[in-house]
């Protein structure tokens, strides 16, 4: 697994504006990198008295491997954590111990669309899983007063996790003013960071090569042809077409034909 950590770029809030959400909105056009977006989010969340946060994103097609698969498999996984200096050992502990594998909170976040807390996840598990190492880790470092905000797109699973809330939050709670503001900021951040994440993904595909037959299948698939129609056009069997399309999906970490076409277009593979 490839873990990418963001670094501070010194993005500052407009001190003349009291509303962090408005500050974030005004600063978006000036963002030059993913790290700038993270720095801006960090400052805005601090204005809402949030002690720290983590953001992670990975391709939809990679979800099963991320949660259950081979720990040595190289999966594009963006992970950023920010908070006080004493959080650095916490971050190191989490990644060194590879707690993200079979983490019930990550597994839950991948399947939710509304905000929820660690307490919600733990309460929904059987007693055996309630003793999971992740919960012990969160309790040890007092990170249980938190909220997860799913920010999924058709191509990526992505989540913002904030901890150090003033009071506990539970799924479906609508009167938690602090969480309402966090959700609004999270959605703005997802929009601001999206282009930079996409560019990073495209860059990671540059060294990947596509065969002539894969290029032909991709081009015809982008025109809306079925496997049978592609097979007739190329004078090959449907089984051969399925083989080449499966290879394309694997190379682009795509989970569907539509996602394959979209990623190929962004990466420059789809030329006509």
C-alpha atoms as a PDB file:
ATOM      1  CA  UNK A   1       0.000   0.000   0.000  1.00  0.00           C
ATOM      2  CA  UNK A   2       1.276   3.459  -0.917  1.00  0.00           C
ATOM      3  CA  UNK A   3       0.586   6.078   1.765  1.00  0.00           C
ATOM      4  CA  UNK A   4       0.928   9.742   0.786  1.00  0.00           C
ATOM      5  CA  UNK A   5       1.120  12.322   3.553  1.00  0.00           C
ATOM      6  CA  UNK A   6       0.345  16.018   3.016  1.00  0.00           C
ATOM      7  CA  UNK A   7       2.715  18.753   4.186  1.00  0.00           C
ATOM      8  CA  UNK A   8       1.994  22.275   5.380  1.00  0.00           C
ATOM      9  CA  UNK A   9       2.004  25.016   2.732  1.00  0.00           C
ATOM     10  CA  UNK A  10       1.199  27.987   4.981  1.00  0.00           C
ATOM     11  CA  UNK A  11      -2.294  28.678   3.625  1.00  0.00           C
ATOM     12  CA  UNK A  12      -3.798  31.408   5.844  1.00  0.00           C
ATOM     13  CA  UNK A  13      -7.371  32.452   6.590  1.00  0.00           C
ATOM     14  CA  UNK A  14      -8.682  35.919   5.813  1.00  0.00           C
ATOM     15  CA  UNK A  15      -8.569  37.476   9.292  1.00  0.00           C
ATOM     16  CA  UNK A  16     -11.121  40.116   8.299  1.00  0.00           C
ATOM     17  CA  UNK A  17     -13.871  37.515   7.884  1.00  0.00           C
ATOM     18  CA  UNK A  18     -15.363  35.788  10.928  1.00  0.00           C
ATOM     19  CA  UNK A  19     -17.094  32.924   9.109  1.00  0.00           C
ATOM     20  CA  UNK A  20     -14.581  30.083   8.351  1.00  0.00           C
ATOM     21  CA  UNK A  21     -16.933  28.675   5.691  1.00  0.00           C
ATOM     22  CA  UNK A  22     -16.940  31.995   3.837  1.00  0.00           C
ATOM     23  CA  UNK A  23     -13.148  32.225   4.250  1.00  0.00           C
ATOM     24  CA  UNK A  24     -12.744  28.772   2.709  1.00  0.00           C
ATOM     25  CA  UNK A  25     -15.018  29.639  -0.223  1.00  0.00           C
ATOM     26  CA  UNK A  26     -13.103  32.840  -0.979  1.00  0.00           C
ATOM     27  CA  UNK A  27      -9.712  31.097  -0.781  1.00  0.00           C
ATOM     28  CA  UNK A  28     -10.525  28.216  -3.156  1.00  0.00           C
ATOM     29  CA  UNK A  29      -9.500  30.056  -6.396  1.00  0.00           C
ATOM     30  CA  UNK A  30      -6.036  30.729  -4.917  1.00  0.00           C
ATOM     31  CA  UNK A  31      -5.295  27.094  -4.071  1.00  0.00           C
ATOM     32  CA  UNK A  32      -2.292  25.749  -5.976  1.00  0.00           C
ATOM     33  CA  UNK A  33      -2.043  22.213  -4.593  1.00  0.00           C
ATOM     34  CA  UNK A  34      -3.694  19.509  -2.518  1.00  0.00           C
ATOM     35  CA  UNK A  35      -1.493  20.567   0.413  1.00  0.00           C
ATOM     36  CA  UNK A  36      -2.854  24.111   0.166  1.00  0.00           C
ATOM     37  CA  UNK A  37      -6.401  22.756   0.418  1.00  0.00           C
ATOM     38  CA  UNK A  38      -5.463  20.669   3.473  1.00  0.00           C
ATOM     39  CA  UNK A  39      -3.805  23.657   5.168  1.00  0.00           C
ATOM     40  CA  UNK A  40      -6.862  25.803   4.524  1.00  0.00           C
ATOM     41  CA  UNK A  41      -9.163  23.115   5.941  1.00  0.00           C
ATOM     42  CA  UNK A  42      -6.961  22.762   9.026  1.00  0.00           C
ATOM     43  CA  UNK A  43      -7.175  26.474   9.791  1.00  0.00           C
ATOM     44  CA  UNK A  44     -10.935  26.543   9.262  1.00  0.00           C
ATOM     45  CA  UNK A  45     -11.511  23.521  11.514  1.00  0.00           C
ATOM     46  CA  UNK A  46      -9.344  25.100  14.214  1.00  0.00           C
ATOM     47  CA  UNK A  47     -11.681  28.088  14.071  1.00  0.00           C
ATOM     48  CA  UNK A  48     -14.453  25.634  14.970  1.00  0.00           C
ATOM     49  CA  UNK A  49     -12.364  24.299  17.894  1.00  0.00           C
ATOM     50  CA  UNK A  50     -11.608  20.956  16.211  1.00  0.00           C
ATOM     51  CA  UNK A  51      -8.370  19.486  17.569  1.00  0.00           C
ATOM     52  CA  UNK A  52      -7.425  17.347  14.588  1.00  0.00           C
ATOM     53  CA  UNK A  53      -8.595  15.487  11.493  1.00  0.00           C
ATOM     54  CA  UNK A  54      -7.722  12.835   8.960  1.00  0.00           C
ATOM     55  CA  UNK A  55      -8.746  12.568   5.312  1.00  0.00           C
ATOM     56  CA  UNK A  56      -8.420   9.464   3.183  1.00  0.00           C
ATOM     57  CA  UNK A  57      -9.379   8.539  -0.366  1.00  0.00           C
ATOM     58  CA  UNK A  58      -8.969   5.494  -2.578  1.00  0.00           C
ATOM     59  CA  UNK A  59     -10.454   4.215  -5.878  1.00  0.00           C
ATOM     60  CA  UNK A  60     -13.818   2.488  -5.611  1.00  0.00           C
ATOM     61  CA  UNK A  61     -12.398  -0.622  -7.270  1.00  0.00           C
ATOM     62  CA  UNK A  62      -9.748  -0.932  -4.533  1.00  0.00           C
ATOM     63  CA  UNK A  63     -12.105  -1.040  -1.568  1.00  0.00           C
ATOM     64  CA  UNK A  64     -12.216  -4.838  -1.041  1.00  0.00           C
ATOM     65  CA  UNK A  65      -8.417  -5.108  -1.178  1.00  0.00           C
ATOM     66  CA  UNK A  66      -7.981  -2.098   1.105  1.00  0.00           C
ATOM     67  CA  UNK A  67     -10.148  -3.641   3.797  1.00  0.00           C
ATOM     68  CA  UNK A  68      -9.571  -7.359   3.419  1.00  0.00           C
ATOM     69  CA  UNK A  69      -6.812  -8.044   0.932  1.00  0.00           C
ATOM     70  CA  UNK A  70      -3.106  -8.650   0.644  1.00  0.00           C
ATOM     71  CA  UNK A  71      -1.151  -6.117   2.723  1.00  0.00           C
ATOM     72  CA  UNK A  72       1.631  -6.072   0.130  1.00  0.00           C
ATOM     73  CA  UNK A  73      -0.620  -5.131  -2.776  1.00  0.00           C
ATOM     74  CA  UNK A  74       0.107  -1.626  -4.117  1.00  0.00           C
ATOM     75  CA  UNK A  75      -3.152   0.334  -3.843  1.00  0.00           C
ATOM     76  CA  UNK A  76      -3.296   4.100  -4.501  1.00  0.00           C
ATOM     77  CA  UNK A  77      -4.357   5.317  -1.058  1.00  0.00           C
ATOM     78  CA  UNK A  78      -4.214   8.982  -0.122  1.00  0.00           C
ATOM     79  CA  UNK A  79      -4.042   9.576   3.635  1.00  0.00           C
ATOM     80  CA  UNK A  80      -3.501  12.872   5.438  1.00  0.00           C
ATOM     81  CA  UNK A  81      -3.630  13.501   9.189  1.00  0.00           C
ATOM     82  CA  UNK A  82      -3.337  16.863  10.941  1.00  0.00           C
ATOM     83  CA  UNK A  83      -3.409  17.867  14.594  1.00  0.00           C
ATOM     84  CA  UNK A  84      -1.246  18.857  17.571  1.00  0.00           C
ATOM     85  CA  UNK A  85       2.380  17.694  17.725  1.00  0.00           C
ATOM     86  CA  UNK A  86       1.525  14.954  20.185  1.00  0.00           C
ATOM     87  CA  UNK A  87      -0.575  13.361  17.428  1.00  0.00           C
ATOM     88  CA  UNK A  88       2.499  12.474  15.347  1.00  0.00           C
ATOM     89  CA  UNK A  89       3.262   9.322  17.413  1.00  0.00           C
ATOM     90  CA  UNK A  90      -0.424   8.424  17.143  1.00  0.00           C
ATOM     91  CA  UNK A  91      -0.278   8.664  13.333  1.00  0.00           C
ATOM     92  CA  UNK A  92       2.947   6.641  13.242  1.00  0.00           C
ATOM     93  CA  UNK A  93       1.466   3.964  15.503  1.00  0.00           C
ATOM     94  CA  UNK A  94      -1.661   3.631  13.359  1.00  0.00           C
ATOM     95  CA  UNK A  95       0.205   3.231  10.062  1.00  0.00           C
ATOM     96  CA  UNK A  96       3.131   1.172  11.398  1.00  0.00           C
ATOM     97  CA  UNK A  97       0.735  -1.306  12.988  1.00  0.00           C
ATOM     98  CA  UNK A  98      -1.340  -1.264   9.775  1.00  0.00           C
ATOM     99  CA  UNK A  99      -4.538  -0.748  11.742  1.00  0.00           C
ATOM    100  CA  UNK A 100      -6.242   0.449   8.558  1.00  0.00           C
ATOM    101  CA  UNK A 101      -6.579  -3.218   7.530  1.00  0.00           C
ATOM    102  CA  UNK A 102      -9.924  -4.552   8.779  1.00  0.00           C
ATOM    103  CA  UNK A 103     -10.590  -1.212  10.509  1.00  0.00           C
ATOM    104  CA  UNK A 104     -14.363  -1.274  11.251  1.00  0.00           C
ATOM    105  CA  UNK A 105     -14.573   2.523  10.975  1.00  0.00           C
ATOM    106  CA  UNK A 106     -13.055   2.550   7.450  1.00  0.00           C
ATOM    107  CA  UNK A 107     -15.295  -0.340   6.439  1.00  0.00           C
ATOM    108  CA  UNK A 108     -18.346   1.516   7.772  1.00  0.00           C
ATOM    109  CA  UNK A 109     -17.361   4.830   6.173  1.00  0.00           C
ATOM    110  CA  UNK A 110     -17.095   3.134   2.776  1.00  0.00           C
ATOM    111  CA  UNK A 111     -20.775   2.173   2.945  1.00  0.00           C
ATOM    112  CA  UNK A 112     -22.312   5.285   4.532  1.00  0.00           C
ATOM    113  CA  UNK A 113     -23.356   8.593   3.039  1.00  0.00           C
ATOM    114  CA  UNK A 114     -24.346  10.451   6.232  1.00  0.00           C
ATOM    115  CA  UNK A 115     -22.127  11.558   9.160  1.00  0.00           C
ATOM    116  CA  UNK A 116     -21.596   9.111  12.026  1.00  0.00           C
ATOM    117  CA  UNK A 117     -19.298   8.585  15.016  1.00  0.00           C
ATOM    118  CA  UNK A 118     -16.958   5.865  16.266  1.00  0.00           C
ATOM    119  CA  UNK A 119     -19.468   5.177  19.036  1.00  0.00           C
ATOM    120  CA  UNK A 120     -22.115   4.456  16.368  1.00  0.00           C
ATOM    121  CA  UNK A 121     -19.810   1.938  14.677  1.00  0.00           C
ATOM    122  CA  UNK A 122     -18.878   0.182  17.905  1.00  0.00           C
ATOM    123  CA  UNK A 123     -22.496  -0.018  19.045  1.00  0.00           C
ATOM    124  CA  UNK A 124     -23.483  -1.730  15.786  1.00  0.00           C
ATOM    125  CA  UNK A 125     -20.920  -4.556  16.102  1.00  0.00           C
ATOM    126  CA  UNK A 126     -21.059  -7.822  17.997  1.00  0.00           C
ATOM    127  CA  UNK A 127     -19.174  -8.058  21.285  1.00  0.00           C
ATOM    128  CA  UNK A 128     -16.147  -9.713  19.704  1.00  0.00           C
ATOM    129  CA  UNK A 129     -15.568  -6.932  17.210  1.00  0.00           C
ATOM    130  CA  UNK A 130     -16.268  -4.260  19.851  1.00  0.00           C
ATOM    131  CA  UNK A 131     -12.892  -5.239  21.310  1.00  0.00           C
ATOM    132  CA  UNK A 132     -11.150  -4.528  17.991  1.00  0.00           C
ATOM    133  CA  UNK A 133      -7.632  -3.038  18.250  1.00  0.00           C
ATOM    134  CA  UNK A 134      -8.794   0.160  16.539  1.00  0.00           C
ATOM    135  CA  UNK A 135     -11.263   0.938  19.328  1.00  0.00           C
ATOM    136  CA  UNK A 136      -8.596   0.322  21.950  1.00  0.00           C
ATOM    137  CA  UNK A 137      -6.322   2.648  19.988  1.00  0.00           C
ATOM    138  CA  UNK A 138      -8.975   5.413  19.823  1.00  0.00           C
ATOM    139  CA  UNK A 139      -9.806   5.069  23.516  1.00  0.00           C
ATOM    140  CA  UNK A 140      -6.131   5.080  24.524  1.00  0.00           C
ATOM    141  CA  UNK A 141      -5.517   8.412  22.792  1.00  0.00           C
ATOM    142  CA  UNK A 142      -8.961   9.840  23.691  1.00  0.00           C
ATOM    143  CA  UNK A 143     -10.171  10.202  20.120  1.00  0.00           C
ATOM    144  CA  UNK A 144     -13.718   8.917  20.621  1.00  0.00           C
ATOM    145  CA  UNK A 145     -15.525  12.316  20.563  1.00  0.00           C
ATOM    146  CA  UNK A 146     -15.516  12.383  16.788  1.00  0.00           C
ATOM    147  CA  UNK A 147     -17.437  12.480  13.516  1.00  0.00           C
ATOM    148  CA  UNK A 148     -16.869  10.804  10.135  1.00  0.00           C
ATOM    149  CA  UNK A 149     -18.121  12.680   7.067  1.00  0.00           C
ATOM    150  CA  UNK A 150     -18.367  10.471   3.932  1.00  0.00           C
ATOM    151  CA  UNK A 151     -17.572  12.451   0.761  1.00  0.00           C
ATOM    152  CA  UNK A 152     -17.774   9.699  -1.856  1.00  0.00           C
ATOM    153  CA  UNK A 153     -17.755  10.286  -5.609  1.00  0.00           C
ATOM    154  CA  UNK A 154     -18.624   7.825  -8.415  1.00  0.00           C
ATOM    155  CA  UNK A 155     -14.897   7.015  -8.713  1.00  0.00           C
ATOM    156  CA  UNK A 156     -13.520   7.363  -5.176  1.00  0.00           C
ATOM    157  CA  UNK A 157     -14.316   6.509  -1.599  1.00  0.00           C
ATOM    158  CA  UNK A 158     -13.238   9.460   0.540  1.00  0.00           C
ATOM    159  CA  UNK A 159     -13.909  10.412   4.140  1.00  0.00           C
ATOM    160  CA  UNK A 160     -13.054  13.251   6.514  1.00  0.00           C
ATOM    161  CA  UNK A 161     -12.686  12.216  10.161  1.00  0.00           C
ATOM    162  CA  UNK A 162     -12.611  14.953  12.814  1.00  0.00           C
ATOM    163  CA  UNK A 163     -11.933  14.377  16.504  1.00  0.00           C
ATOM    164  CA  UNK A 164     -11.974  16.516  19.654  1.00  0.00           C
ATOM    165  CA  UNK A 165     -15.592  17.640  19.349  1.00  0.00           C
ATOM    166  CA  UNK A 166     -17.002  19.708  22.208  1.00  0.00           C
ATOM    167  CA  UNK A 167     -19.662  17.054  22.823  1.00  0.00           C
ATOM    168  CA  UNK A 168     -20.469  13.581  21.536  1.00  0.00           C
ATOM    169  CA  UNK A 169     -22.235  13.143  18.198  1.00  0.00           C
ATOM    170  CA  UNK A 170     -24.455  10.263  17.087  1.00  0.00           C
ATOM    171  CA  UNK A 171     -25.745   9.296  13.654  1.00  0.00           C
ATOM    172  CA  UNK A 172     -28.936  11.091  12.667  1.00  0.00           C
ATOM    173  CA  UNK A 173     -28.446  13.892  15.210  1.00  0.00           C
ATOM    174  CA  UNK A 174     -29.496  17.189  13.607  1.00  0.00           C
ATOM    175  CA  UNK A 175     -29.007  19.634  16.492  1.00  0.00           C
ATOM    176  CA  UNK A 176     -25.216  19.359  16.732  1.00  0.00           C
ATOM    177  CA  UNK A 177     -24.163  22.802  15.490  1.00  0.00           C
ATOM    178  CA  UNK A 178     -20.434  22.000  15.456  1.00  0.00           C
ATOM    179  CA  UNK A 179     -20.962  18.925  13.255  1.00  0.00           C
ATOM    180  CA  UNK A 180     -23.210  20.863  10.864  1.00  0.00           C
ATOM    181  CA  UNK A 181     -20.370  23.342  10.272  1.00  0.00           C
ATOM    182  CA  UNK A 182     -17.838  20.519   9.871  1.00  0.00           C
ATOM    183  CA  UNK A 183     -20.014  18.845   7.222  1.00  0.00           C
ATOM    184  CA  UNK A 184     -20.289  22.098   5.251  1.00  0.00           C
ATOM    185  CA  UNK A 185     -16.518  22.601   5.380  1.00  0.00           C
ATOM    186  CA  UNK A 186     -15.869  18.962   4.460  1.00  0.00           C
ATOM    187  CA  UNK A 187     -17.989  19.236   1.327  1.00  0.00           C
ATOM    188  CA  UNK A 188     -16.211  22.422   0.266  1.00  0.00           C
ATOM    189  CA  UNK A 189     -12.852  20.764   0.869  1.00  0.00           C
ATOM    190  CA  UNK A 190     -13.876  17.745  -1.238  1.00  0.00           C
ATOM    191  CA  UNK A 191     -14.697  20.059  -4.138  1.00  0.00           C
ATOM    192  CA  UNK A 192     -11.465  22.051  -3.733  1.00  0.00           C
ATOM    193  CA  UNK A 193      -9.236  18.971  -3.443  1.00  0.00           C
ATOM    194  CA  UNK A 194     -10.902  16.932  -6.185  1.00  0.00           C
ATOM    195  CA  UNK A 195      -8.905  18.325  -9.118  1.00  0.00           C
ATOM    196  CA  UNK A 196      -5.582  17.857  -7.329  1.00  0.00           C
ATOM    197  CA  UNK A 197      -6.406  14.264  -6.386  1.00  0.00           C
ATOM    198  CA  UNK A 198      -7.436  13.532  -9.983  1.00  0.00           C
ATOM    199  CA  UNK A 199      -4.160  14.977 -11.303  1.00  0.00           C
ATOM    200  CA  UNK A 200      -2.187  12.803  -8.867  1.00  0.00           C
ATOM    201  CA  UNK A 201      -4.073   9.714 -10.060  1.00  0.00           C
ATOM    202  CA  UNK A 202      -3.414  10.550 -13.712  1.00  0.00           C
ATOM    203  CA  UNK A 203       0.292  11.045 -12.979  1.00  0.00           C
ATOM    204  CA  UNK A 204       0.473   7.607 -11.357  1.00  0.00           C
ATOM    205  CA  UNK A 205      -0.769   6.000 -14.609  1.00  0.00           C
ATOM    206  CA  UNK A 206       1.858   7.626 -16.865  1.00  0.00           C
ATOM    207  CA  UNK A 207       4.289   4.726 -16.592  1.00  0.00           C
ATOM    208  CA  UNK A 208       1.605   2.156 -17.414  1.00  0.00           C
ATOM    209  CA  UNK A 209       1.588   0.839 -20.985  1.00  0.00           C
ATOM    210  CA  UNK A 210      -1.419  -0.203 -23.038  1.00  0.00           C
ATOM    211  CA  UNK A 211      -1.286  -2.752 -25.857  1.00  0.00           C
ATOM    212  CA  UNK A 212      -2.580  -2.007 -29.358  1.00  0.00           C
ATOM    213  CA  UNK A 213      -5.506  -4.373 -28.862  1.00  0.00           C
ATOM    214  CA  UNK A 214      -6.375  -2.762 -25.512  1.00  0.00           C
ATOM    215  CA  UNK A 215      -6.341   0.655 -27.212  1.00  0.00           C
ATOM    216  CA  UNK A 216      -8.701  -0.632 -29.898  1.00  0.00           C
ATOM    217  CA  UNK A 217     -11.090  -2.123 -27.337  1.00  0.00           C
ATOM    218  CA  UNK A 218     -11.003   1.075 -25.277  1.00  0.00           C
ATOM    219  CA  UNK A 219     -11.752   3.284 -28.268  1.00  0.00           C
ATOM    220  CA  UNK A 220     -14.700   1.130 -29.383  1.00  0.00           C
ATOM    221  CA  UNK A 221     -15.995   0.776 -25.828  1.00  0.00           C
ATOM    222  CA  UNK A 222     -15.959   4.595 -25.503  1.00  0.00           C
ATOM    223  CA  UNK A 223     -18.222   4.735 -28.577  1.00  0.00           C
ATOM    224  CA  UNK A 224     -20.820   2.712 -26.699  1.00  0.00           C
ATOM    225  CA  UNK A 225     -20.181  -0.689 -28.302  1.00  0.00           C
ATOM    226  CA  UNK A 226     -20.926  -3.895 -26.415  1.00  0.00           C
ATOM    227  CA  UNK A 227     -18.381  -6.716 -26.117  1.00  0.00           C
ATOM    228  CA  UNK A 228     -20.106  -8.578 -28.943  1.00  0.00           C
ATOM    229  CA  UNK A 229     -20.027  -5.523 -31.228  1.00  0.00           C
ATOM    230  CA  UNK A 230     -16.343  -4.920 -30.434  1.00  0.00           C
ATOM    231  CA  UNK A 231     -15.602  -8.583 -31.159  1.00  0.00           C
ATOM    232  CA  UNK A 232     -17.336  -8.364 -34.555  1.00  0.00           C
ATOM    233  CA  UNK A 233     -15.479  -5.150 -35.435  1.00  0.00           C
ATOM    234  CA  UNK A 234     -12.061  -6.578 -34.522  1.00  0.00           C
ATOM    235  CA  UNK A 235     -12.828 -10.093 -35.832  1.00  0.00           C
ATOM    236  CA  UNK A 236     -12.036 -11.709 -32.471  1.00  0.00           C
ATOM    237  CA  UNK A 237     -14.094 -13.625 -29.913  1.00  0.00           C
ATOM    238  CA  UNK A 238     -16.101 -12.022 -27.109  1.00  0.00           C
ATOM    239  CA  UNK A 239     -13.873 -13.879 -24.654  1.00  0.00           C
ATOM    240  CA  UNK A 240     -10.828 -12.074 -26.089  1.00  0.00           C
ATOM    241  CA  UNK A 241     -12.559  -8.706 -25.759  1.00  0.00           C
ATOM    242  CA  UNK A 242     -13.472  -9.441 -22.124  1.00  0.00           C
ATOM    243  CA  UNK A 243      -9.846 -10.334 -21.454  1.00  0.00           C
ATOM    244  CA  UNK A 244      -8.532  -7.026 -22.838  1.00  0.00           C
ATOM    245  CA  UNK A 245     -11.180  -4.937 -21.084  1.00  0.00           C
ATOM    246  CA  UNK A 246     -10.427  -6.703 -17.788  1.00  0.00           C
ATOM    247  CA  UNK A 247      -6.762  -5.782 -18.254  1.00  0.00           C
ATOM    248  CA  UNK A 248      -7.711  -2.151 -18.885  1.00  0.00           C
ATOM    249  CA  UNK A 249      -9.830  -2.020 -15.731  1.00  0.00           C
ATOM    250  CA  UNK A 250      -7.014  -3.549 -13.695  1.00  0.00           C
ATOM    251  CA  UNK A 251      -4.425  -1.086 -15.028  1.00  0.00           C
ATOM    252  CA  UNK A 252      -6.661   1.895 -14.263  1.00  0.00           C
ATOM    253  CA  UNK A 253      -8.036   0.586 -10.941  1.00  0.00           C
ATOM    254  CA  UNK A 254     -11.521   0.955 -12.410  1.00  0.00           C
ATOM    255  CA  UNK A 255     -14.598  -0.862 -11.158  1.00  0.00           C
ATOM    256  CA  UNK A 256     -16.819  -0.469 -14.239  1.00  0.00           C
ATOM    257  CA  UNK A 257     -16.727   0.236 -17.979  1.00  0.00           C
ATOM    258  CA  UNK A 258     -17.858   3.837 -17.382  1.00  0.00           C
ATOM    259  CA  UNK A 259     -15.102   4.422 -14.820  1.00  0.00           C
ATOM    260  CA  UNK A 260     -12.544   2.869 -17.190  1.00  0.00           C
ATOM    261  CA  UNK A 261     -13.522   5.299 -19.957  1.00  0.00           C
ATOM    262  CA  UNK A 262     -13.492   8.300 -17.609  1.00  0.00           C
ATOM    263  CA  UNK A 263     -10.080   7.470 -16.139  1.00  0.00           C
ATOM    264  CA  UNK A 264      -8.634   6.695 -19.566  1.00  0.00           C
ATOM    265  CA  UNK A 265      -9.803  10.104 -20.806  1.00  0.00           C
ATOM    266  CA  UNK A 266      -8.219  11.886 -17.823  1.00  0.00           C
ATOM    267  CA  UNK A 267      -4.953   9.998 -18.207  1.00  0.00           C
ATOM    268  CA  UNK A 268      -4.628  10.721 -21.936  1.00  0.00           C
ATOM    269  CA  UNK A 269      -5.130   7.099 -23.001  1.00  0.00           C
ATOM    270  CA  UNK A 270      -8.375   7.844 -24.831  1.00  0.00           C
ATOM    271  CA  UNK A 271      -7.164   9.768 -27.852  1.00  0.00           C
ATOM    272  CA  UNK A 272     -10.088   9.454 -30.234  1.00  0.00           C
END
